[in-house]
Amino acid sequence: MVKKIRRIGLKLRDISLDDLLDILERLELEIRRYLHNKLPPKTDYDLILSVEKNDVLTLNIDIGIIGEYEDIIDYKAIVNDTINYARRFFEKELKKYRVIEENTP
């Protein structure tokens, strides 16, 4: 299993469960649009998204693609690109909750 950890300085206490669910719903739609544009018609895929919120926020993305054109299409590369796209989208949404520290004299 590959794990990528990013620190973006969030106020986790300020992110409600409803906010996370809203972000996940939009993320799912974005991933489905992305895959629709990248995959041949009639290609099946499974998508599971989850978020764990403890001391840190962890996004889990599980994508499986079943396609007939494995000899000409690199499905593994599409999965990796999709995960990177999803991570960037998720981070962009979370940055709305970023801690902004100001130095005041």
N, C-alpha and C. Protein backbone atom coordinates (compact mmCIF):
# COMPACT_ATOMS: atom_id res chain seq x y z
N MET A 1 0.85 -1.18 0.00
CA MET A 1 0.00 0.00 0.00
C MET A 1 0.89 1.24 0.00
N VAL A 2 0.53 2.19 -0.81
CA VAL A 2 1.27 3.44 -0.91
C VAL A 2 0.52 4.50 -0.12
N LYS A 3 1.24 5.21 0.72
CA LYS A 3 0.65 6.30 1.48
C LYS A 3 1.38 7.58 1.13
N LYS A 4 0.61 8.63 0.94
CA LYS A 4 1.18 9.95 0.72
C LYS A 4 0.62 10.86 1.79
N ILE A 5 1.49 11.54 2.50
CA ILE A 5 1.06 12.41 3.57
C ILE A 5 1.40 13.85 3.21
N ARG A 6 0.40 14.75 3.35
CA ARG A 6 0.59 16.17 3.09
C ARG A 6 0.12 16.94 4.31
N ARG A 7 0.82 17.96 4.69
CA ARG A 7 0.42 18.82 5.79
C ARG A 7 0.06 20.19 5.20
N ILE A 8 -1.20 20.61 5.44
CA ILE A 8 -1.62 21.89 4.88
C ILE A 8 -2.15 22.85 5.95
N GLY A 9 -1.94 22.54 7.22
CA GLY A 9 -2.27 23.47 8.30
C GLY A 9 -3.73 23.78 8.45
N LEU A 10 -4.54 22.80 8.80
CA LEU A 10 -5.98 22.99 8.91
C LEU A 10 -6.43 23.10 10.36
N LYS A 11 -7.52 23.79 10.55
CA LYS A 11 -8.21 23.78 11.83
C LYS A 11 -9.23 22.65 11.76
N LEU A 12 -8.84 21.47 12.16
CA LEU A 12 -9.75 20.33 12.03
C LEU A 12 -11.02 20.51 12.84
N ARG A 13 -10.91 21.19 13.96
CA ARG A 13 -12.11 21.38 14.79
C ARG A 13 -13.15 22.23 14.09
N ASP A 14 -12.73 23.03 13.10
CA ASP A 14 -13.67 23.89 12.39
C ASP A 14 -14.33 23.21 11.19
N ILE A 15 -13.92 21.99 10.89
CA ILE A 15 -14.52 21.26 9.78
C ILE A 15 -15.56 20.30 10.35
N SER A 16 -16.81 20.58 10.06
CA SER A 16 -17.88 19.73 10.58
C SER A 16 -18.05 18.47 9.72
N LEU A 17 -18.75 17.52 10.26
CA LEU A 17 -19.04 16.30 9.51
C LEU A 17 -19.83 16.61 8.25
N ASP A 18 -20.76 17.56 8.35
CA ASP A 18 -21.54 17.96 7.17
C ASP A 18 -20.64 18.56 6.08
N ASP A 19 -19.66 19.36 6.51
CA ASP A 19 -18.72 19.94 5.55
C ASP A 19 -17.93 18.83 4.85
N LEU A 20 -17.46 17.86 5.62
CA LEU A 20 -16.70 16.75 5.03
C LEU A 20 -17.56 15.94 4.07
N LEU A 21 -18.80 15.68 4.44
CA LEU A 21 -19.70 14.94 3.55
C LEU A 21 -19.95 15.70 2.25
N ASP A 22 -20.12 17.01 2.37
CA ASP A 22 -20.32 17.85 1.18
C ASP A 22 -19.09 17.80 0.27
N ILE A 23 -17.91 17.91 0.86
CA ILE A 23 -16.67 17.83 0.08
C ILE A 23 -16.55 16.46 -0.59
N LEU A 24 -16.86 15.39 0.15
CA LEU A 24 -16.77 14.04 -0.43
C LEU A 24 -17.75 13.84 -1.58
N GLU A 25 -18.95 14.39 -1.46
CA GLU A 25 -19.94 14.27 -2.55
C GLU A 25 -19.44 14.98 -3.80
N ARG A 26 -18.90 16.18 -3.63
CA ARG A 26 -18.36 16.92 -4.79
C ARG A 26 -17.14 16.21 -5.36
N LEU A 27 -16.32 15.65 -4.48
CA LEU A 27 -15.15 14.90 -4.92
C LEU A 27 -15.55 13.68 -5.74
N GLU A 28 -16.58 12.97 -5.29
CA GLU A 28 -17.04 11.80 -6.04
C GLU A 28 -17.50 12.20 -7.44
N LEU A 29 -18.26 13.28 -7.54
CA LEU A 29 -18.70 13.75 -8.86
C LEU A 29 -17.53 14.12 -9.74
N GLU A 30 -16.52 14.80 -9.18
CA GLU A 30 -15.34 15.18 -9.95
C GLU A 30 -14.58 13.94 -10.44
N ILE A 31 -14.44 12.95 -9.58
CA ILE A 31 -13.73 11.74 -9.98
C ILE A 31 -14.49 11.02 -11.08
N ARG A 32 -15.80 10.93 -10.95
CA ARG A 32 -16.61 10.25 -11.98
C ARG A 32 -16.51 10.97 -13.33
N ARG A 33 -16.53 12.32 -13.30
CA ARG A 33 -16.36 13.09 -14.54
C ARG A 33 -14.99 12.84 -15.15
N TYR A 34 -13.99 12.84 -14.30
CA TYR A 34 -12.61 12.62 -14.76
C TYR A 34 -12.49 11.25 -15.42
N LEU A 35 -12.99 10.22 -14.75
CA LEU A 35 -12.91 8.86 -15.30
C LEU A 35 -13.73 8.73 -16.58
N HIS A 36 -14.87 9.39 -16.63
CA HIS A 36 -15.70 9.35 -17.84
C HIS A 36 -14.93 9.90 -19.04
N ASN A 37 -14.12 10.92 -18.81
CA ASN A 37 -13.34 11.52 -19.89
C ASN A 37 -12.10 10.71 -20.25
N LYS A 38 -11.59 9.92 -19.33
CA LYS A 38 -10.34 9.18 -19.56
C LYS A 38 -10.54 7.74 -20.02
N LEU A 39 -11.67 7.14 -19.68
CA LEU A 39 -11.87 5.72 -19.97
C LEU A 39 -12.70 5.51 -21.22
N PRO A 40 -12.46 4.39 -21.91
CA PRO A 40 -13.31 4.07 -23.07
C PRO A 40 -14.75 3.81 -22.62
N PRO A 41 -15.70 3.99 -23.53
CA PRO A 41 -17.10 3.71 -23.19
C PRO A 41 -17.27 2.26 -22.71
N LYS A 42 -18.23 2.07 -21.83
CA LYS A 42 -18.58 0.75 -21.29
C LYS A 42 -17.49 0.14 -20.40
N THR A 43 -16.54 0.96 -19.94
CA THR A 43 -15.55 0.47 -18.99
C THR A 43 -16.15 0.58 -17.59
N ASP A 44 -16.07 -0.50 -16.82
CA ASP A 44 -16.59 -0.50 -15.47
C ASP A 44 -15.51 -0.13 -14.47
N TYR A 45 -15.91 0.51 -13.40
CA TYR A 45 -14.97 0.82 -12.33
C TYR A 45 -15.72 0.86 -11.00
N ASP A 46 -14.96 0.62 -9.94
CA ASP A 46 -15.47 0.74 -8.58
C ASP A 46 -14.77 1.92 -7.94
N LEU A 47 -15.51 2.67 -7.14
CA LEU A 47 -14.95 3.83 -6.46
C LEU A 47 -15.45 3.85 -5.02
N ILE A 48 -14.51 3.87 -4.10
CA ILE A 48 -14.84 3.98 -2.68
C ILE A 48 -14.03 5.13 -2.10
N LEU A 49 -14.74 6.07 -1.48
CA LEU A 49 -14.09 7.20 -0.82
C LEU A 49 -14.45 7.17 0.66
N SER A 50 -13.47 7.48 1.49
CA SER A 50 -13.75 7.62 2.92
C SER A 50 -12.77 8.62 3.51
N VAL A 51 -13.18 9.20 4.62
CA VAL A 51 -12.34 10.15 5.34
C VAL A 51 -12.32 9.73 6.80
N GLU A 52 -11.12 9.76 7.36
CA GLU A 52 -10.95 9.51 8.79
C GLU A 52 -10.52 10.82 9.43
N LYS A 53 -11.23 11.21 10.48
CA LYS A 53 -10.90 12.46 11.16
C LYS A 53 -10.57 12.15 12.61
N ASN A 54 -9.30 12.20 12.94
CA ASN A 54 -8.81 12.05 14.30
C ASN A 54 -7.95 13.27 14.59
N ASP A 55 -6.71 13.05 14.97
CA ASP A 55 -5.78 14.17 15.11
C ASP A 55 -5.38 14.72 13.75
N VAL A 56 -5.48 13.86 12.74
CA VAL A 56 -5.21 14.24 11.36
C VAL A 56 -6.40 13.83 10.51
N LEU A 57 -6.46 14.37 9.32
CA LEU A 57 -7.52 14.04 8.38
C LEU A 57 -6.92 13.16 7.30
N THR A 58 -7.51 11.97 7.10
CA THR A 58 -6.99 11.02 6.12
C THR A 58 -8.06 10.74 5.07
N LEU A 59 -7.71 10.97 3.81
CA LEU A 59 -8.59 10.65 2.69
C LEU A 59 -8.16 9.31 2.11
N ASN A 60 -9.10 8.38 2.03
CA ASN A 60 -8.85 7.07 1.43
C ASN A 60 -9.60 6.99 0.11
N ILE A 61 -8.87 6.67 -0.95
CA ILE A 61 -9.45 6.55 -2.28
C ILE A 61 -9.14 5.15 -2.79
N ASP A 62 -10.18 4.41 -3.12
CA ASP A 62 -10.01 3.06 -3.65
C ASP A 62 -10.69 3.01 -5.02
N ILE A 63 -9.90 2.82 -6.07
CA ILE A 63 -10.43 2.78 -7.43
C ILE A 63 -9.99 1.48 -8.08
N GLY A 64 -10.94 0.78 -8.65
CA GLY A 64 -10.64 -0.43 -9.43
C GLY A 64 -11.28 -0.31 -10.79
N ILE A 65 -10.51 -0.56 -11.84
CA ILE A 65 -11.03 -0.44 -13.20
C ILE A 65 -11.01 -1.81 -13.86
N ILE A 66 -12.12 -2.16 -14.51
CA ILE A 66 -12.21 -3.40 -15.27
C ILE A 66 -12.42 -3.01 -16.73
N GLY A 67 -11.42 -3.27 -17.55
CA GLY A 67 -11.51 -2.87 -18.94
C GLY A 67 -11.03 -3.96 -19.87
N GLU A 68 -11.47 -3.87 -21.09
CA GLU A 68 -11.15 -4.89 -22.09
C GLU A 68 -9.89 -4.56 -22.88
N TYR A 69 -9.36 -3.37 -22.75
CA TYR A 69 -8.27 -2.93 -23.62
C TYR A 69 -6.95 -2.81 -22.88
N GLU A 70 -6.66 -3.76 -22.01
CA GLU A 70 -5.43 -3.70 -21.20
C GLU A 70 -4.16 -3.69 -22.04
N ASP A 71 -4.25 -4.21 -23.27
CA ASP A 71 -3.07 -4.24 -24.13
C ASP A 71 -2.75 -2.86 -24.72
N ILE A 72 -3.73 -1.96 -24.78
CA ILE A 72 -3.48 -0.64 -25.37
C ILE A 72 -3.73 0.53 -24.41
N ILE A 73 -4.38 0.27 -23.28
CA ILE A 73 -4.67 1.33 -22.32
C ILE A 73 -4.00 0.99 -20.99
N ASP A 74 -3.28 1.94 -20.45
CA ASP A 74 -2.60 1.75 -19.17
C ASP A 74 -3.55 2.17 -18.05
N TYR A 75 -4.36 1.20 -17.59
CA TYR A 75 -5.34 1.49 -16.55
C TYR A 75 -4.67 1.90 -15.24
N LYS A 76 -3.52 1.34 -14.95
CA LYS A 76 -2.81 1.70 -13.72
C LYS A 76 -2.43 3.18 -13.73
N ALA A 77 -1.98 3.67 -14.87
CA ALA A 77 -1.64 5.09 -14.99
C ALA A 77 -2.89 5.96 -14.81
N ILE A 78 -4.01 5.51 -15.35
CA ILE A 78 -5.26 6.27 -15.20
C ILE A 78 -5.67 6.32 -13.74
N VAL A 79 -5.52 5.20 -13.03
CA VAL A 79 -5.84 5.18 -11.60
C VAL A 79 -4.93 6.15 -10.85
N ASN A 80 -3.64 6.11 -11.12
CA ASN A 80 -2.70 7.02 -10.45
C ASN A 80 -3.02 8.48 -10.75
N ASP A 81 -3.30 8.79 -12.01
CA ASP A 81 -3.65 10.16 -12.38
C ASP A 81 -4.94 10.61 -11.70
N THR A 82 -5.90 9.70 -11.60
CA THR A 82 -7.18 10.01 -10.96
C THR A 82 -6.98 10.30 -9.48
N ILE A 83 -6.15 9.50 -8.83
CA ILE A 83 -5.88 9.72 -7.41
C ILE A 83 -5.19 11.06 -7.20
N ASN A 84 -4.24 11.40 -8.05
CA ASN A 84 -3.58 12.70 -7.94
C ASN A 84 -4.55 13.85 -8.17
N TYR A 85 -5.43 13.69 -9.16
CA TYR A 85 -6.45 14.71 -9.43
C TYR A 85 -7.37 14.86 -8.23
N ALA A 86 -7.80 13.74 -7.66
CA ALA A 86 -8.71 13.76 -6.52
C ALA A 86 -8.03 14.40 -5.31
N ARG A 87 -6.79 14.08 -5.08
CA ARG A 87 -6.05 14.65 -3.95
C ARG A 87 -5.96 16.17 -4.08
N ARG A 88 -5.63 16.65 -5.28
CA ARG A 88 -5.53 18.09 -5.49
C ARG A 88 -6.89 18.78 -5.26
N PHE A 89 -7.96 18.16 -5.76
CA PHE A 89 -9.30 18.72 -5.57
C PHE A 89 -9.65 18.77 -4.09
N PHE A 90 -9.39 17.68 -3.37
CA PHE A 90 -9.69 17.58 -1.94
C PHE A 90 -8.90 18.64 -1.16
N GLU A 91 -7.62 18.76 -1.45
CA GLU A 91 -6.79 19.76 -0.78
C GLU A 91 -7.27 21.17 -1.05
N LYS A 92 -7.67 21.43 -2.29
CA LYS A 92 -8.19 22.77 -2.64
C LYS A 92 -9.44 23.09 -1.82
N GLU A 93 -10.31 22.12 -1.67
CA GLU A 93 -11.53 22.33 -0.88
C GLU A 93 -11.20 22.52 0.60
N LEU A 94 -10.25 21.76 1.10
CA LEU A 94 -9.88 21.86 2.52
C LEU A 94 -9.18 23.16 2.86
N LYS A 95 -8.50 23.74 1.89
CA LYS A 95 -7.76 24.98 2.17
C LYS A 95 -8.67 26.12 2.59
N LYS A 96 -9.95 25.98 2.38
CA LYS A 96 -10.90 26.98 2.86
C LYS A 96 -10.92 27.02 4.39
N TYR A 97 -10.42 25.94 5.02
CA TYR A 97 -10.40 25.83 6.47
C TYR A 97 -8.99 26.01 7.03
N ARG A 98 -8.09 26.47 6.22
CA ARG A 98 -6.68 26.59 6.61
C ARG A 98 -6.50 27.62 7.72
N VAL A 99 -5.57 27.32 8.59
CA VAL A 99 -5.21 28.25 9.66
C VAL A 99 -4.38 29.37 9.06
N ILE A 100 -4.78 30.58 9.31
CA ILE A 100 -4.01 31.71 8.83
C ILE A 100 -3.41 32.39 10.05
N GLU A 101 -2.09 32.31 10.14
CA GLU A 101 -1.38 32.90 11.27
C GLU A 101 -0.83 34.24 10.85
N GLU A 102 -1.07 35.23 11.67
CA GLU A 102 -0.56 36.55 11.39
C GLU A 102 0.36 36.95 12.53
N ASN A 103 1.46 37.54 12.19
CA ASN A 103 2.37 38.08 13.20
C ASN A 103 1.95 39.51 13.48
N THR A 104 1.48 39.72 14.71
CA THR A 104 1.11 41.08 15.07
C THR A 104 2.09 41.60 16.09
N PRO A 105 2.60 42.80 15.87
CA PRO A 105 3.60 43.35 16.81
C PRO A 105 2.99 43.76 18.12
